Amino acid sequence: MYDSSDIQNNKGMAILAYILFFIPLIAAKDSKYAMYHANQGLTLFLACVVANVVLSIIPIIGWILLPLANLGCCVLAILGIVAAAQGQVKPLPLIGKYTILK
């Protein structure tokens, strides 16, 4: 499904997708592998923004859960970076099934 030369040539872009998801959208838009990880990075970014906004609005309980949500975002980013570095096309837990970019 994914070309091995595409994976080897775009591992750096795939890793970068979890830090700055828009860089692979600009620099490696022809790579199916980089675009997959850019989608995962964008989905993670949006999920983290929503979690931060919602939990910051909810008094006390939300404020207690906010650091845990941010820790979860960091863990998911690390899982994505590791998968990208290993050349894997593996969806992130919980949010990986959603596709934003086509």
C-alpha atoms as a PDB file:
ATOM      1  CA  MET A   1       0.000   0.000   0.000  1.00  0.00           C
ATOM      2  CA  TYR A   2       2.799   2.444   0.905  1.00  0.00           C
ATOM      3  CA  ASP A   3       5.939   2.480  -1.224  1.00  0.00           C
ATOM      4  CA  SER A   4       9.086   1.618   0.763  1.00  0.00           C
ATOM      5  CA  SER A   5      11.108   4.325  -1.018  1.00  0.00           C
ATOM      6  CA  ASP A   6       8.394   6.871  -0.122  1.00  0.00           C
ATOM      7  CA  ILE A   7       8.634   5.791   3.523  1.00  0.00           C
ATOM      8  CA  GLN A   8      12.439   6.034   3.565  1.00  0.00           C
ATOM      9  CA  ASN A   9      12.529   9.400   1.811  1.00  0.00           C
ATOM     10  CA  ASN A  10       9.847  11.013   3.973  1.00  0.00           C
ATOM     11  CA  LYS A  11      10.436   9.675   7.489  1.00  0.00           C
ATOM     12  CA  GLY A  12      11.657  13.083   8.612  1.00  0.00           C
ATOM     13  CA  MET A  13       8.528  14.782   7.308  1.00  0.00           C
ATOM     14  CA  ALA A  14       6.344  12.141   8.948  1.00  0.00           C
ATOM     15  CA  ILE A  15       8.067  12.707  12.295  1.00  0.00           C
ATOM     16  CA  LEU A  16       7.746  16.468  11.888  1.00  0.00           C
ATOM     17  CA  ALA A  17       4.005  16.072  11.264  1.00  0.00           C
ATOM     18  CA  TYR A  18       3.424  15.417  14.968  1.00  0.00           C
ATOM     19  CA  ILE A  19       5.206  18.626  15.952  1.00  0.00           C
ATOM     20  CA  LEU A  20       4.128  21.000  13.145  1.00  0.00           C
ATOM     21  CA  PHE A  21       1.510  19.192  11.069  1.00  0.00           C
ATOM     22  CA  PHE A  22       1.423  21.834   8.304  1.00  0.00           C
ATOM     23  CA  ILE A  23       5.090  21.456   7.248  1.00  0.00           C
ATOM     24  CA  PRO A  24       4.541  18.095   5.463  1.00  0.00           C
ATOM     25  CA  LEU A  25       1.417  19.553   3.848  1.00  0.00           C
ATOM     26  CA  ILE A  26       3.647  22.107   2.137  1.00  0.00           C
ATOM     27  CA  ALA A  27       6.970  20.299   1.697  1.00  0.00           C
ATOM     28  CA  ALA A  28       5.888  16.691   1.012  1.00  0.00           C
ATOM     29  CA  LYS A  29       2.399  16.956  -0.447  1.00  0.00           C
ATOM     30  CA  ASP A  30       3.146  14.232  -3.010  1.00  0.00           C
ATOM     31  CA  SER A  31       4.105  11.668  -0.354  1.00  0.00           C
ATOM     32  CA  LYS A  32       1.267   9.403   0.707  1.00  0.00           C
ATOM     33  CA  TYR A  33       3.254   8.395   3.814  1.00  0.00           C
ATOM     34  CA  ALA A  34       3.949  11.967   4.948  1.00  0.00           C
ATOM     35  CA  MET A  35       0.334  12.955   4.281  1.00  0.00           C
ATOM     36  CA  TYR A  36      -0.932  10.064   6.396  1.00  0.00           C
ATOM     37  CA  HIS A  37       1.131  11.255   9.343  1.00  0.00           C
ATOM     38  CA  ALA A  38       0.212  14.894   8.659  1.00  0.00           C
ATOM     39  CA  ASN A  39      -3.436  13.842   8.971  1.00  0.00           C
ATOM     40  CA  GLN A  40      -2.685  12.082  12.239  1.00  0.00           C
ATOM     41  CA  GLY A  41      -0.804  15.161  13.484  1.00  0.00           C
ATOM     42  CA  LEU A  42      -3.661  17.484  12.510  1.00  0.00           C
ATOM     43  CA  THR A  43      -6.211  15.231  14.199  1.00  0.00           C
ATOM     44  CA  LEU A  44      -4.069  15.155  17.347  1.00  0.00           C
ATOM     45  CA  PHE A  45      -3.659  18.945  17.285  1.00  0.00           C
ATOM     46  CA  LEU A  46      -7.421  19.520  16.958  1.00  0.00           C
ATOM     47  CA  ALA A  47      -8.223  16.992  19.694  1.00  0.00           C
ATOM     48  CA  CYS A  48      -5.762  18.696  22.044  1.00  0.00           C
ATOM     49  CA  VAL A  49      -7.161  22.158  21.290  1.00  0.00           C
ATOM     50  CA  VAL A  50     -10.723  20.969  21.918  1.00  0.00           C
ATOM     51  CA  ALA A  51      -9.706  19.224  25.150  1.00  0.00           C
ATOM     52  CA  ASN A  52      -7.888  22.331  26.390  1.00  0.00           C
ATOM     53  CA  VAL A  53     -10.767  24.688  25.567  1.00  0.00           C
ATOM     54  CA  VAL A  54     -13.459  22.454  27.057  1.00  0.00           C
ATOM     55  CA  LEU A  55     -11.534  21.560  30.201  1.00  0.00           C
ATOM     56  CA  SER A  56     -10.468  25.152  30.847  1.00  0.00           C
ATOM     57  CA  ILE A  57     -14.122  26.249  30.785  1.00  0.00           C
ATOM     58  CA  ILE A  58     -15.265  23.621  33.303  1.00  0.00           C
ATOM     59  CA  PRO A  59     -14.479  24.853  36.834  1.00  0.00           C
ATOM     60  CA  ILE A  60     -12.475  22.741  39.293  1.00  0.00           C
ATOM     61  CA  ILE A  61     -12.925  19.275  37.720  1.00  0.00           C
ATOM     62  CA  GLY A  62     -11.861  20.550  34.300  1.00  0.00           C
ATOM     63  CA  TRP A  63      -8.892  22.336  35.808  1.00  0.00           C
ATOM     64  CA  ILE A  64      -7.841  19.125  37.552  1.00  0.00           C
ATOM     65  CA  LEU A  65      -8.231  17.057  34.362  1.00  0.00           C
ATOM     66  CA  LEU A  66      -6.478  19.580  32.120  1.00  0.00           C
ATOM     67  CA  PRO A  67      -2.900  18.496  32.976  1.00  0.00           C
ATOM     68  CA  LEU A  68      -3.897  14.859  32.446  1.00  0.00           C
ATOM     69  CA  ALA A  69      -5.337  15.696  29.027  1.00  0.00           C
ATOM     70  CA  ASN A  70      -2.140  17.524  28.079  1.00  0.00           C
ATOM     71  CA  LEU A  71      -0.075  14.560  29.249  1.00  0.00           C
ATOM     72  CA  GLY A  72      -2.265  12.328  27.086  1.00  0.00           C
ATOM     73  CA  CYS A  73      -1.630  14.615  24.108  1.00  0.00           C
ATOM     74  CA  CYS A  74       2.117  14.348  24.672  1.00  0.00           C
ATOM     75  CA  VAL A  75       1.922  10.553  24.937  1.00  0.00           C
ATOM     76  CA  LEU A  76      -0.056  10.323  21.684  1.00  0.00           C
ATOM     77  CA  ALA A  77       2.455  12.595  19.945  1.00  0.00           C
ATOM     78  CA  ILE A  78       5.330  10.399  21.125  1.00  0.00           C
ATOM     79  CA  LEU A  79       3.523   7.263  19.916  1.00  0.00           C
ATOM     80  CA  GLY A  80       3.033   8.896  16.525  1.00  0.00           C
ATOM     81  CA  ILE A  81       6.661  10.012  16.299  1.00  0.00           C
ATOM     82  CA  VAL A  82       7.889   6.523  17.165  1.00  0.00           C
ATOM     83  CA  ALA A  83       5.594   4.919  14.574  1.00  0.00           C
ATOM     84  CA  ALA A  84       6.718   7.416  11.916  1.00  0.00           C
ATOM     85  CA  ALA A  85      10.400   6.862  12.742  1.00  0.00           C
ATOM     86  CA  GLN A  86       9.944   3.098  12.421  1.00  0.00           C
ATOM     87  CA  GLY A  87       8.236   3.457   9.039  1.00  0.00           C
ATOM     88  CA  GLN A  88       4.886   2.227  10.319  1.00  0.00           C
ATOM     89  CA  VAL A  89       1.442   3.322   9.206  1.00  0.00           C
ATOM     90  CA  LYS A  90      -0.350   2.800  12.486  1.00  0.00           C
ATOM     91  CA  PRO A  91      -3.292   4.936  13.654  1.00  0.00           C
ATOM     92  CA  LEU A  92      -3.050   6.703  16.996  1.00  0.00           C
ATOM     93  CA  PRO A  93      -5.122   5.235  19.824  1.00  0.00           C
ATOM     94  CA  LEU A  94      -8.542   6.870  20.352  1.00  0.00           C
ATOM     95  CA  ILE A  95      -8.277   9.480  17.567  1.00  0.00           C
ATOM     96  CA  GLY A  96      -6.464   7.697  14.743  1.00  0.00           C
ATOM     97  CA  LYS A  97      -9.578   6.465  12.982  1.00  0.00           C
ATOM     98  CA  TYR A  98     -10.636   9.996  11.998  1.00  0.00           C
ATOM     99  CA  THR A  99      -9.537  11.344   8.631  1.00  0.00           C
ATOM    100  CA  ILE A 100      -9.496  15.087   8.080  1.00  0.00           C
ATOM    101  CA  LEU A 101      -7.163  15.354   5.097  1.00  0.00           C
ATOM    102  CA  LYS A 102      -7.967  13.434   1.946  1.00  0.00           C
END
